[in-house]
Amino acid sequence: MSKANQVEAAIRAAMDRLLKGEPIRSDGSLTAVALAAESGVSRWKLYDEYRYLLDEFGTRAALQDNTPRALRDLQEKHAQLKERHIRTRNKLAQSAADVKRLSCVVNVLALENAKCKENHGDRRDSDNRPDRGGGPDWDDGPDSNVTPISRAKGFSHDTN
C-alpha cells in the first residue's frame, strides 16, 4: 500500500470514528481540526491534498442528525464543571465575607477586653496564671454590684 493510500485510509478511519462518536485522539467534534487530529494528518495537508475527503466528511457530518456521544459527554461534563465552579466561587465569596465579619468581631472583643482590664485591672497572679483559688475575688468598692452572701441582709450563719 502506498503512502498516499495509507494516509487516505487513516483519514477515512478517523472520519468513521468521529461520526460514530468514538474519538481516540481528538475532542470528538465534527470539524476539520478534529479530523486532522484524529487522523494524525496536518490540517494543511488535509486541506491541500485531501480536500475531497474533507468535503466528504463535511457532507456526512451534515447528514448526521445527532451529536456524537463523545462530544455530548464533553458538553455535559463542561456544564457540570461550570456549575461546580460557580458554587465554589460563591462559597469562596461567602467565606471571605465571613472572615471579614469575624475579624471585626475579634477587634471589637479585643477592645472590650482591654477596656475591662483597664476598668477592673488584670486579676491574675504574678506568674500570669488565672486565680484558681476557692472563689471569686469580690470587689468591695463603691461601684460593686455584687454582694457576697455572707453580707446580704437577713443572712445568718446560725443554724438554730
Protein backbone atom coordinates (compact mmCIF):
# COMPACT_ATOMS: atom_id res chain seq x y z
CA MET A 1 0.00 0.00 0.00
CA SER A 2 1.39 3.36 -0.98
CA LYS A 3 1.95 6.24 1.44
CA ALA A 4 -0.97 8.20 -0.08
CA ASN A 5 -3.28 5.20 0.34
CA GLN A 6 -2.18 4.80 3.98
CA VAL A 7 -2.92 8.46 4.70
CA GLU A 8 -6.30 8.21 2.96
CA ALA A 9 -7.13 5.08 4.97
CA ALA A 10 -6.15 6.87 8.20
CA ILE A 11 -8.37 9.84 7.32
CA ARG A 12 -11.32 7.58 6.44
CA ALA A 13 -10.89 5.61 9.69
CA ALA A 14 -10.77 8.90 11.62
CA MET A 15 -13.94 10.08 9.82
CA ASP A 16 -15.74 6.88 10.82
CA ARG A 17 -14.64 7.15 14.46
CA LEU A 18 -15.71 10.79 14.70
CA LEU A 19 -19.08 10.14 13.06
CA LYS A 20 -19.68 7.19 15.42
CA GLY A 21 -18.74 9.34 18.39
CA GLU A 22 -15.72 7.23 19.33
CA PRO A 23 -12.69 9.53 19.02
CA ILE A 24 -9.25 8.39 20.10
CA ARG A 25 -7.03 11.46 19.59
CA SER A 26 -9.44 14.43 19.46
CA ASP A 27 -12.31 16.06 21.32
CA GLY A 28 -14.85 14.33 19.07
CA SER A 29 -16.22 17.44 17.40
CA LEU A 30 -17.18 17.14 13.76
CA THR A 31 -14.67 19.70 12.48
CA ALA A 32 -11.64 19.74 10.21
CA VAL A 33 -9.42 20.37 13.24
CA ALA A 34 -10.75 17.26 14.97
CA LEU A 35 -10.44 15.22 11.77
CA ALA A 36 -6.82 16.31 11.35
CA ALA A 37 -6.02 15.47 14.99
CA GLU A 38 -7.88 12.17 14.84
CA SER A 39 -6.17 11.04 11.62
CA GLY A 40 -2.70 12.29 12.55
CA VAL A 41 -2.52 14.37 9.37
CA SER A 42 -1.72 18.07 9.45
CA ARG A 43 -4.56 20.46 8.77
CA TRP A 44 -2.60 21.96 5.92
CA LYS A 45 -2.20 18.57 4.26
CA LEU A 46 -5.87 17.76 4.84
CA TYR A 47 -6.98 21.00 3.15
CA ASP A 48 -4.36 20.89 0.38
CA GLU A 49 -4.00 17.25 -0.66
CA TYR A 50 -7.13 15.56 0.74
CA ARG A 51 -9.74 18.26 0.25
CA TYR A 52 -12.14 15.74 -1.33
CA LEU A 53 -12.09 13.70 1.92
CA LEU A 54 -12.65 16.83 3.99
CA ASP A 55 -15.67 17.70 1.79
CA GLU A 56 -16.99 14.15 2.13
CA PHE A 57 -16.60 14.39 5.91
CA GLY A 58 -18.49 17.70 5.95
CA THR A 59 -21.34 16.18 3.91
CA ARG A 60 -21.57 13.10 6.11
CA ALA A 61 -21.46 15.22 9.27
CA ALA A 62 -24.26 17.47 7.96
CA LEU A 63 -26.42 14.42 7.21
CA GLN A 64 -25.89 13.06 10.70
CA ASP A 65 -28.80 14.29 12.81
CA ASN A 66 -27.29 13.68 16.23
CA THR A 67 -24.30 14.96 18.11
CA PRO A 68 -21.57 12.37 18.62
CA ARG A 69 -21.69 10.72 22.02
CA ALA A 70 -18.15 11.81 22.93
CA LEU A 71 -18.93 15.45 22.17
CA ARG A 72 -22.23 15.24 24.05
CA ASP A 73 -20.42 13.73 27.06
CA LEU A 74 -17.84 16.51 26.96
CA GLN A 75 -20.57 19.15 26.79
CA GLU A 76 -22.36 17.61 29.79
CA LYS A 77 -19.10 17.41 31.74
CA HIS A 78 -18.37 21.04 30.86
CA ALA A 79 -21.80 22.13 32.10
CA GLN A 80 -21.31 20.20 35.37
CA LEU A 81 -17.87 21.71 35.91
CA LYS A 82 -19.20 25.17 35.15
CA GLU A 83 -21.93 24.78 37.79
CA ARG A 84 -19.40 23.41 40.29
CA HIS A 85 -17.12 26.37 39.57
CA ILE A 86 -19.96 28.82 40.24
CA ARG A 87 -20.82 27.07 43.53
CA THR A 88 -17.16 27.09 44.57
CA ARG A 89 -16.79 30.80 43.77
CA ASN A 90 -19.94 31.56 45.77
CA LYS A 91 -18.62 29.57 48.75
CA LEU A 92 -15.30 31.39 48.49
CA ALA A 93 -17.05 34.76 48.42
CA GLN A 94 -19.13 33.75 51.45
CA SER A 95 -16.01 32.58 53.29
CA ALA A 96 -14.24 35.86 52.52
CA ALA A 97 -17.24 37.79 53.87
CA ASP A 98 -17.25 35.58 56.99
CA VAL A 99 -13.54 36.21 57.56
CA LYS A 100 -14.07 39.95 57.24
CA ARG A 101 -17.04 39.89 59.62
CA LEU A 102 -15.28 37.69 62.18
CA SER A 103 -12.14 39.82 62.11
CA CYS A 104 -14.33 42.82 63.02
CA VAL A 105 -15.86 40.80 65.87
CA VAL A 106 -12.38 39.84 67.13
CA ASN A 107 -11.33 43.50 67.05
CA VAL A 108 -14.41 44.61 68.99
CA LEU A 109 -13.89 41.86 71.58
CA ALA A 110 -10.23 42.81 71.94
CA LEU A 111 -11.21 46.43 72.55
CA GLU A 112 -13.86 45.39 75.09
CA ASN A 113 -11.33 43.14 76.82
CA ALA A 114 -8.80 45.97 77.03
CA LYS A 115 -11.48 48.30 78.43
CA CYS A 116 -12.45 45.71 81.07
CA LYS A 117 -8.81 45.24 82.07
CA GLU A 118 -8.40 48.99 82.30
CA ASN A 119 -11.51 49.39 84.49
CA HIS A 120 -11.06 46.34 86.70
CA GLY A 121 -7.37 45.58 86.46
CA ASP A 122 -5.83 42.32 85.43
CA ARG A 123 -6.85 39.83 88.12
CA ARG A 124 -4.12 37.32 87.61
CA ASP A 125 -1.42 36.10 89.94
CA SER A 126 2.08 37.41 89.48
CA ASP A 127 3.01 34.35 87.44
CA ASN A 128 0.31 35.29 84.89
CA ARG A 129 -1.91 32.33 85.64
CA PRO A 130 -5.62 32.77 86.37
CA ASP A 131 -6.64 32.57 90.04
CA ARG A 132 -7.77 29.03 90.73
CA GLY A 133 -8.42 29.62 94.41
CA GLY A 134 -11.54 28.95 96.48
CA GLY A 135 -13.80 31.52 94.87
CA PRO A 136 -14.13 34.85 93.13
CA ASP A 137 -12.14 37.85 94.16
CA TRP A 138 -15.01 40.05 95.43
CA ASP A 139 -14.80 43.75 94.79
CA ASP A 140 -15.95 45.62 97.88
CA GLY A 141 -15.63 49.02 96.26
CA PRO A 142 -18.46 51.54 95.93
CA ASP A 143 -19.10 50.56 92.29
CA SER A 144 -19.56 46.89 93.11
CA ASN A 145 -22.91 45.45 92.09
CA VAL A 146 -22.17 42.08 93.69
CA THR A 147 -22.85 41.48 97.37
CA PRO A 148 -21.37 38.36 98.92
CA ILE A 149 -23.96 36.10 100.56
CA SER A 150 -22.27 36.43 103.95
CA ARG A 151 -23.05 40.20 103.94
CA ALA A 152 -26.53 40.05 102.47
CA LYS A 153 -29.41 41.42 104.58
CA GLY A 154 -31.11 38.83 106.69
CA PHE A 155 -28.49 36.19 106.13
CA SER A 156 -27.16 34.47 109.18
CA HIS A 157 -24.68 31.68 109.63
CA ASP A 158 -26.62 30.47 112.64
CA THR A 159 -28.39 27.18 112.06
CA ASN A 160 -30.61 27.46 115.22
